[in-house]
C-alpha atoms as a PDB file:
ATOM      1  CA  MET A   1      36.403 101.443 -47.828  1.00  0.00           C
ATOM      2  CA  ALA A   2      34.395  99.312 -45.823  1.00  0.00           C
ATOM      3  CA  GLY A   3      33.330  95.990 -47.854  1.00  0.00           C
ATOM      4  CA  THR A   4      35.725  96.782 -50.234  1.00  0.00           C
ATOM      5  CA  VAL A   5      37.464  93.368 -51.991  1.00  0.00           C
ATOM      6  CA  ASN A   6      40.947  93.213 -52.674  1.00  0.00           C
ATOM      7  CA  PRO A   7      41.272  92.927 -56.665  1.00  0.00           C
ATOM      8  CA  ARG A   8      44.256  90.415 -55.396  1.00  0.00           C
ATOM      9  CA  THR A   9      41.912  88.617 -53.377  1.00  0.00           C
ATOM     10  CA  LEU A  10      39.323  88.511 -55.889  1.00  0.00           C
ATOM     11  CA  PHE A  11      41.408  86.753 -58.766  1.00  0.00           C
ATOM     12  CA  SER A  12      42.875  84.419 -56.184  1.00  0.00           C
ATOM     13  CA  ARG A  13      39.362  83.243 -55.431  1.00  0.00           C
ATOM     14  CA  ALA A  14      38.477  83.313 -59.069  1.00  0.00           C
ATOM     15  CA  MET A  15      41.269  80.703 -59.868  1.00  0.00           C
ATOM     16  CA  ALA A  16      40.635  78.667 -56.931  1.00  0.00           C
ATOM     17  CA  TRP A  17      37.183  78.248 -58.108  1.00  0.00           C
ATOM     18  CA  VAL A  18      38.677  77.695 -61.653  1.00  0.00           C
ATOM     19  CA  SER A  19      40.804  75.239 -60.253  1.00  0.00           C
ATOM     20  CA  CYS A  20      37.430  73.209 -58.505  1.00  0.00           C
ATOM     21  CA  LEU A  21      36.129  72.513 -62.082  1.00  0.00           C
ATOM     22  CA  LEU A  22      39.382  71.390 -63.789  1.00  0.00           C
ATOM     23  CA  VAL A  23      38.682  67.616 -63.212  1.00  0.00           C
ATOM     24  CA  PRO A  24      35.259  67.547 -63.752  1.00  0.00           C
ATOM     25  CA  TRP A  25      35.104  69.317 -66.797  1.00  0.00           C
ATOM     26  CA  GLY A  26      38.516  69.498 -68.044  1.00  0.00           C
ATOM     27  CA  GLY A  27      39.140  65.749 -67.539  1.00  0.00           C
ATOM     28  CA  TYR A  28      36.134  64.838 -69.469  1.00  0.00           C
ATOM     29  CA  TYR A  29      36.705  67.208 -72.331  1.00  0.00           C
ATOM     30  CA  GLY A  30      40.410  66.302 -72.422  1.00  0.00           C
ATOM     31  CA  LEU A  31      39.254  62.493 -72.840  1.00  0.00           C
ATOM     32  CA  ALA A  32      36.899  63.625 -75.689  1.00  0.00           C
ATOM     33  CA  VAL A  33      38.803  65.945 -78.035  1.00  0.00           C
ATOM     34  CA  SER A  34      42.280  63.835 -77.332  1.00  0.00           C
ATOM     35  CA  GLY A  35      40.998  60.748 -79.548  1.00  0.00           C
ATOM     36  CA  ILE A  36      42.093  58.245 -76.681  1.00  0.00           C
ATOM     37  CA  ALA A  37      38.436  56.536 -76.751  1.00  0.00           C
ATOM     38  CA  ALA A  38      39.888  55.066 -80.359  1.00  0.00           C
ATOM     39  CA  ARG A  39      42.280  53.270 -77.713  1.00  0.00           C
ATOM     40  CA  VAL A  40      39.080  51.843 -75.315  1.00  0.00           C
ATOM     41  CA  GLY A  41      38.804  48.200 -75.476  1.00  0.00           C
ATOM     42  CA  ALA A  42      35.519  46.778 -75.979  1.00  0.00           C
ATOM     43  CA  PRO A  43      32.477  48.293 -74.750  1.00  0.00           C
ATOM     44  CA  ARG A  44      30.983  46.370 -72.090  1.00  0.00           C
ATOM     45  CA  GLU A  45      27.703  47.525 -71.318  1.00  0.00           C
ATOM     46  CA  ALA A  46      26.016  44.131 -72.291  1.00  0.00           C
ATOM     47  CA  LEU A  47      27.880  42.976 -69.098  1.00  0.00           C
ATOM     48  CA  LEU A  48      26.412  45.498 -67.064  1.00  0.00           C
ATOM     49  CA  ALA A  49      22.912  44.998 -67.995  1.00  0.00           C
ATOM     50  CA  GLY A  50      23.058  41.489 -67.250  1.00  0.00           C
ATOM     51  CA  TRP A  51      24.159  42.082 -64.376  1.00  0.00           C
ATOM     52  CA  GLU A  52      21.305  44.284 -63.589  1.00  0.00           C
ATOM     53  CA  ARG A  53      18.548  42.155 -65.429  1.00  0.00           C
ATOM     54  CA  HIS A  54      19.971  38.724 -63.242  1.00  0.00           C
ATOM     55  CA  LEU A  55      19.781  41.122 -59.912  1.00  0.00           C
ATOM     56  CA  LEU A  56      16.376  42.234 -60.777  1.00  0.00           C
ATOM     57  CA  GLY A  57      14.140  39.572 -62.323  1.00  0.00           C
ATOM     58  CA  GLY A  58      14.882  40.260 -66.187  1.00  0.00           C
ATOM     59  CA  LEU A  59      15.063  44.146 -66.901  1.00  0.00           C
ATOM     60  CA  SER A  60      17.316  46.556 -65.925  1.00  0.00           C
ATOM     61  CA  VAL A  61      16.938  49.498 -64.050  1.00  0.00           C
ATOM     62  CA  PRO A  62      16.650  52.294 -67.360  1.00  0.00           C
ATOM     63  CA  GLU A  63      14.018  49.485 -68.399  1.00  0.00           C
ATOM     64  CA  ARG A  64      12.304  49.823 -65.677  1.00  0.00           C
ATOM     65  CA  MET A  65      12.245  53.550 -65.714  1.00  0.00           C
ATOM     66  CA  ALA A  66      11.499  54.523 -69.134  1.00  0.00           C
ATOM     67  CA  PRO A  67       8.110  54.224 -69.597  1.00  0.00           C
ATOM     68  CA  PHE A  68       7.298  56.698 -66.880  1.00  0.00           C
ATOM     69  CA  MET A  69       9.340  58.982 -69.005  1.00  0.00           C
ATOM     70  CA  ALA A  70       6.139  58.919 -71.031  1.00  0.00           C
ATOM     71  CA  PHE A  71       4.259  61.134 -68.117  1.00  0.00           C
ATOM     72  CA  LEU A  72       5.177  64.791 -69.195  1.00  0.00           C
ATOM     73  CA  PRO A  73       5.792  66.525 -65.618  1.00  0.00           C
ATOM     74  CA  PHE A  74       8.195  63.307 -64.542  1.00  0.00           C
ATOM     75  CA  ARG A  75      10.046  63.586 -67.442  1.00  0.00           C
ATOM     76  CA  TRP A  76      11.068  67.536 -67.121  1.00  0.00           C
ATOM     77  CA  LEU A  77      11.155  67.173 -63.788  1.00  0.00           C
ATOM     78  CA  MET A  78      13.900  64.379 -64.444  1.00  0.00           C
ATOM     79  CA  VAL A  79      15.549  65.918 -66.880  1.00  0.00           C
ATOM     80  CA  GLY A  80      15.381  69.425 -64.829  1.00  0.00           C
ATOM     81  CA  THR A  81      17.475  67.205 -61.809  1.00  0.00           C
ATOM     82  CA  TYR A  82      19.590  65.914 -64.413  1.00  0.00           C
ATOM     83  CA  LEU A  83      20.662  69.305 -65.643  1.00  0.00           C
ATOM     84  CA  SER A  84      20.612  71.161 -62.132  1.00  0.00           C
ATOM     85  CA  PHE A  85      23.908  68.756 -61.685  1.00  0.00           C
ATOM     86  CA  TYR A  86      26.115  71.817 -63.513  1.00  0.00           C
ATOM     87  CA  GLY A  87      24.232  74.571 -61.560  1.00  0.00           C
ATOM     88  CA  ALA A  88      25.350  72.773 -58.240  1.00  0.00           C
ATOM     89  CA  LEU A  89      28.893  72.205 -59.429  1.00  0.00           C
ATOM     90  CA  LEU A  90      29.500  75.543 -60.636  1.00  0.00           C
ATOM     91  CA  GLY A  91      27.606  77.260 -57.622  1.00  0.00           C
ATOM     92  CA  VAL A  92      28.549  75.132 -54.557  1.00  0.00           C
ATOM     93  CA  PRO A  93      32.528  76.490 -55.057  1.00  0.00           C
ATOM     94  CA  ALA A  94      31.740  79.753 -55.361  1.00  0.00           C
ATOM     95  CA  VAL A  95      29.258  79.910 -52.639  1.00  0.00           C
ATOM     96  CA  LEU A  96      32.029  78.228 -50.453  1.00  0.00           C
ATOM     97  CA  LEU A  97      34.616  80.715 -51.418  1.00  0.00           C
ATOM     98  CA  SER A  98      32.191  83.954 -50.988  1.00  0.00           C
ATOM     99  CA  ARG A  99      31.826  82.647 -47.448  1.00  0.00           C
ATOM    100  CA  GLY A 100      35.659  82.323 -46.787  1.00  0.00           C
ATOM    101  CA  ASP A 101      34.694  78.758 -45.812  1.00  0.00           C
ATOM    102  CA  ASP A 102      38.424  77.554 -46.948  1.00  0.00           C
ATOM    103  CA  ALA A 103      38.111  74.477 -44.879  1.00  0.00           C
ATOM    104  CA  ARG A 104      35.105  73.133 -46.710  1.00  0.00           C
ATOM    105  CA  PHE A 105      36.187  74.617 -50.029  1.00  0.00           C
ATOM    106  CA  ARG A 106      39.649  72.411 -49.933  1.00  0.00           C
ATOM    107  CA  ALA A 107      37.907  69.500 -49.227  1.00  0.00           C
ATOM    108  CA  LEU A 108      35.520  69.717 -52.116  1.00  0.00           C
ATOM    109  CA  ARG A 109      38.451  70.269 -54.576  1.00  0.00           C
ATOM    110  CA  LYS A 110      40.448  67.604 -52.924  1.00  0.00           C
ATOM    111  CA  GLY A 111      37.160  65.261 -53.227  1.00  0.00           C
ATOM    112  CA  LEU A 112      36.222  66.023 -56.752  1.00  0.00           C
ATOM    113  CA  LEU A 113      40.192  65.625 -58.152  1.00  0.00           C
ATOM    114  CA  ILE A 114      40.229  61.899 -56.092  1.00  0.00           C
ATOM    115  CA  ALA A 115      36.614  60.825 -57.681  1.00  0.00           C
ATOM    116  CA  GLY A 116      37.792  62.542 -61.318  1.00  0.00           C
ATOM    117  CA  LEU A 117      41.199  60.571 -61.537  1.00  0.00           C
ATOM    118  CA  ALA A 118      39.776  57.189 -59.986  1.00  0.00           C
ATOM    119  CA  GLY A 119      36.536  57.414 -62.098  1.00  0.00           C
ATOM    120  CA  TYR A 120      38.120  58.245 -65.791  1.00  0.00           C
ATOM    121  CA  ALA A 121      40.454  55.380 -65.061  1.00  0.00           C
ATOM    122  CA  LEU A 122      37.884  52.824 -64.745  1.00  0.00           C
ATOM    123  CA  TYR A 123      36.362  54.197 -67.891  1.00  0.00           C
ATOM    124  CA  PHE A 124      39.298  52.314 -69.539  1.00  0.00           C
ATOM    125  CA  ALA A 125      38.902  49.292 -66.713  1.00  0.00           C
ATOM    126  CA  LEU A 126      35.065  48.450 -67.906  1.00  0.00           C
ATOM    127  CA  PRO A 127      34.328  51.012 -70.579  1.00  0.00           C
ATOM    128  CA  SER A 128      30.390  50.941 -71.453  1.00  0.00           C
ATOM    129  CA  ARG A 129      28.046  53.237 -73.393  1.00  0.00           C
ATOM    130  CA  SER A 130      25.104  54.782 -71.954  1.00  0.00           C
ATOM    131  CA  PRO A 131      21.678  53.582 -72.370  1.00  0.00           C
ATOM    132  CA  TYR A 132      20.644  55.834 -74.553  1.00  0.00           C
ATOM    133  CA  TYR A 133      23.033  54.602 -76.687  1.00  0.00           C
ATOM    134  CA  VAL A 134      21.662  50.956 -76.869  1.00  0.00           C
ATOM    135  CA  LEU A 135      18.410  50.211 -75.694  1.00  0.00           C
ATOM    136  CA  PRO A 136      15.910  50.996 -78.383  1.00  0.00           C
ATOM    137  CA  ILE A 137      13.122  52.519 -76.046  1.00  0.00           C
ATOM    138  CA  TYR A 138      15.397  55.314 -75.708  1.00  0.00           C
ATOM    139  CA  GLN A 139      14.674  56.286 -79.548  1.00  0.00           C
ATOM    140  CA  GLY A 140      10.918  56.691 -78.732  1.00  0.00           C
ATOM    141  CA  PRO A 141       9.136  60.225 -78.849  1.00  0.00           C
ATOM    142  CA  SER A 142       9.362  60.350 -75.030  1.00  0.00           C
ATOM    143  CA  PHE A 143      13.181  60.873 -75.480  1.00  0.00           C
ATOM    144  CA  GLN A 144      13.287  62.972 -78.755  1.00  0.00           C
ATOM    145  CA  PHE A 145      14.300  65.994 -76.865  1.00  0.00           C
ATOM    146  CA  SER A 146      16.622  64.526 -74.629  1.00  0.00           C
ATOM    147  CA  GLN A 147      18.290  62.586 -77.418  1.00  0.00           C
ATOM    148  CA  SER A 148      18.765  65.831 -79.354  1.00  0.00           C
ATOM    149  CA  LEU A 149      20.242  67.464 -76.517  1.00  0.00           C
ATOM    150  CA  VAL A 150      22.982  64.589 -75.940  1.00  0.00           C
ATOM    151  CA  ARG A 151      23.473  64.113 -79.625  1.00  0.00           C
ATOM    152  CA  SER A 152      24.321  67.873 -80.041  1.00  0.00           C
ATOM    153  CA  ALA A 153      26.460  68.106 -76.975  1.00  0.00           C
ATOM    154  CA  LEU A 154      28.141  64.908 -76.929  1.00  0.00           C
ATOM    155  CA  GLU A 155      28.617  63.585 -80.093  1.00  0.00           C
ATOM    156  CA  GLY A 156      30.890  64.998 -83.101  1.00  0.00           C
ATOM    157  CA  LYS A 157      34.072  66.376 -82.179  1.00  0.00           C
ATOM    158  CA  VAL A 158      33.342  66.527 -78.272  1.00  0.00           C
ATOM    159  CA  ALA A 159      32.745  62.792 -77.297  1.00  0.00           C
ATOM    160  CA  PHE A 160      33.795  59.915 -75.323  1.00  0.00           C
ATOM    161  CA  PRO A 161      31.142  57.407 -75.536  1.00  0.00           C
ATOM    162  CA  TYR A 162      32.254  55.128 -73.030  1.00  0.00           C
ATOM    163  CA  ASP A 163      31.435  57.308 -70.086  1.00  0.00           C
ATOM    164  CA  ALA A 164      28.405  55.158 -68.325  1.00  0.00           C
ATOM    165  CA  PHE A 165      30.349  53.300 -65.414  1.00  0.00           C
ATOM    166  CA  PRO A 166      30.765  54.616 -63.041  1.00  0.00           C
ATOM    167  CA  SER A 167      28.194  58.001 -63.009  1.00  0.00           C
ATOM    168  CA  MET A 168      30.534  60.885 -62.486  1.00  0.00           C
ATOM    169  CA  HIS A 169      27.384  62.800 -62.347  1.00  0.00           C
ATOM    170  CA  VAL A 170      26.433  61.024 -58.835  1.00  0.00           C
ATOM    171  CA  ALA A 171      30.137  60.568 -57.623  1.00  0.00           C
ATOM    172  CA  PHE A 172      30.581  64.200 -58.171  1.00  0.00           C
ATOM    173  CA  ALA A 173      26.825  65.049 -57.003  1.00  0.00           C
ATOM    174  CA  VAL A 174      27.993  63.187 -53.735  1.00  0.00           C
ATOM    175  CA  VAL A 175      31.108  65.006 -53.130  1.00  0.00           C
ATOM    176  CA  LEU A 176      28.931  68.188 -53.374  1.00  0.00           C
ATOM    177  CA  THR A 177      25.916  67.183 -51.413  1.00  0.00           C
ATOM    178  CA  ALA A 178      28.642  66.058 -48.707  1.00  0.00           C
ATOM    179  CA  THR A 179      30.188  69.517 -48.785  1.00  0.00           C
ATOM    180  CA  ALA A 180      27.193  72.224 -49.505  1.00  0.00           C
ATOM    181  CA  GLY A 181      26.159  72.525 -46.046  1.00  0.00           C
ATOM    182  CA  ASP A 182      23.950  70.894 -43.360  1.00  0.00           C
ATOM    183  CA  ALA A 183      20.424  71.631 -44.687  1.00  0.00           C
ATOM    184  CA  PRO A 184      18.861  68.301 -45.169  1.00  0.00           C
ATOM    185  CA  TRP A 185      17.099  69.039 -48.384  1.00  0.00           C
ATOM    186  CA  ARG A 186      20.521  68.684 -50.007  1.00  0.00           C
ATOM    187  CA  TRP A 187      19.988  64.827 -49.938  1.00  0.00           C
ATOM    188  CA  ILE A 188      16.830  64.885 -51.479  1.00  0.00           C
ATOM    189  CA  TRP A 189      18.349  66.410 -54.300  1.00  0.00           C
ATOM    190  CA  LEU A 190      20.982  63.888 -54.707  1.00  0.00           C
ATOM    191  CA  GLY A 191      18.260  61.195 -54.627  1.00  0.00           C
ATOM    192  CA  LEU A 192      16.455  62.602 -57.261  1.00  0.00           C
ATOM    193  CA  LEU A 193      19.653  63.226 -58.903  1.00  0.00           C
ATOM    194  CA  ALA A 194      20.201  59.118 -59.148  1.00  0.00           C
ATOM    195  CA  LEU A 195      16.842  58.709 -59.945  1.00  0.00           C
ATOM    196  CA  ALA A 196      17.119  60.921 -62.864  1.00  0.00           C
ATOM    197  CA  THR A 197      20.452  59.827 -64.155  1.00  0.00           C
ATOM    198  CA  VAL A 198      18.660  56.538 -65.152  1.00  0.00           C
ATOM    199  CA  ALA A 199      15.729  57.560 -65.969  1.00  0.00           C
ATOM    200  CA  THR A 200      16.859  59.707 -68.795  1.00  0.00           C
ATOM    201  CA  GLY A 201      18.864  56.754 -69.896  1.00  0.00           C
ATOM    202  CA  ALA A 202      22.245  58.706 -69.101  1.00  0.00           C
ATOM    203  CA  HIS A 203      23.031  55.538 -66.855  1.00  0.00           C
ATOM    204  CA  TRP A 204      22.509  52.323 -65.610  1.00  0.00           C
ATOM    205  CA  GLY A 205      21.618  51.581 -62.051  1.00  0.00           C
ATOM    206  CA  LEU A 206      25.096  49.771 -61.829  1.00  0.00           C
ATOM    207  CA  ASP A 207      26.829  53.072 -62.607  1.00  0.00           C
ATOM    208  CA  VAL A 208      24.861  55.058 -60.002  1.00  0.00           C
ATOM    209  CA  VAL A 209      26.065  52.608 -57.164  1.00  0.00           C
ATOM    210  CA  ALA A 210      29.567  52.965 -58.606  1.00  0.00           C
ATOM    211  CA  GLY A 211      29.279  56.659 -58.499  1.00  0.00           C
ATOM    212  CA  ALA A 212      27.636  57.043 -55.161  1.00  0.00           C
ATOM    213  CA  VAL A 213      30.115  54.393 -53.943  1.00  0.00           C
ATOM    214  CA  LEU A 214      33.022  56.364 -55.611  1.00  0.00           C
ATOM    215  CA  GLY A 215      31.689  59.890 -54.396  1.00  0.00           C
ATOM    216  CA  GLY A 216      31.729  58.809 -50.860  1.00  0.00           C
ATOM    217  CA  GLY A 217      34.983  57.263 -50.538  1.00  0.00           C
ATOM    218  CA  ALA A 218      36.530  60.161 -52.345  1.00  0.00           C
ATOM    219  CA  TRP A 219      34.619  62.826 -49.843  1.00  0.00           C
ATOM    220  CA  PHE A 220      35.931  60.230 -46.479  1.00  0.00           C
ATOM    221  CA  VAL A 221      39.911  60.233 -48.204  1.00  0.00           C
ATOM    222  CA  ALA A 222      39.471  64.325 -48.796  1.00  0.00           C
ATOM    223  CA  ARG A 223      38.090  64.680 -45.252  1.00  0.00           C
ATOM    224  CA  SER A 224      40.415  62.328 -43.550  1.00  0.00           C
ATOM    225  CA  THR A 225      43.707  63.755 -44.850  1.00  0.00           C
ATOM    226  CA  GLY A 226      43.073  67.435 -44.169  1.00  0.00           C
ATOM    227  CA  THR A 227      41.167  69.991 -42.472  1.00  0.00           C
ATOM    228  CA  ARG A 228      37.463  68.691 -41.478  1.00  0.00           C
ATOM    229  CA  PRO A 229      35.074  71.142 -42.800  1.00  0.00           C
END
């Protein structure tokens, strides 16, 4: 029958989609539930914040952004953009597979793998906690809702608190954006996402820069070592 998808093909695509998510999500939760956080050295967020304050004249990027979160529309734009990353991570591989764009999908999967392995290794090289764990301003009323989400999602049994440097949100998003297609608006989304990671207190500014470099490097290697999409 015309338009019928072979069950084996459908199953193969589903497994390929799952494989694309193993490093971004499986890797993080593996770190979280393994108890390996107890083996991480002393946190280095004070060092990161110190570098930023020196470069920016006294205040880190999250400290400069936090007051704007008192403006409700801006706050929801930032929270919504931050959460939209998960939709992109689920959706971009699915769209590429549904289109039969195997070259882009393979490049995406390889890019996520390279970024993930390198990024998780850096968690141990420069362990640091996110600003919302460190800066008192993030305990204010503007962050009450996002803080409750963070604590319910990341604390307890599923927790790896030293995941600030680099920003894997940004690293993975760079790979997703480079793979997603040719629409120029996707770069606007990436810029808003980078802004949201610091505005919500999830990352320091240097985490975002490192994540962008890591994601760009991972995509370059993935594209250079395979069929170009």
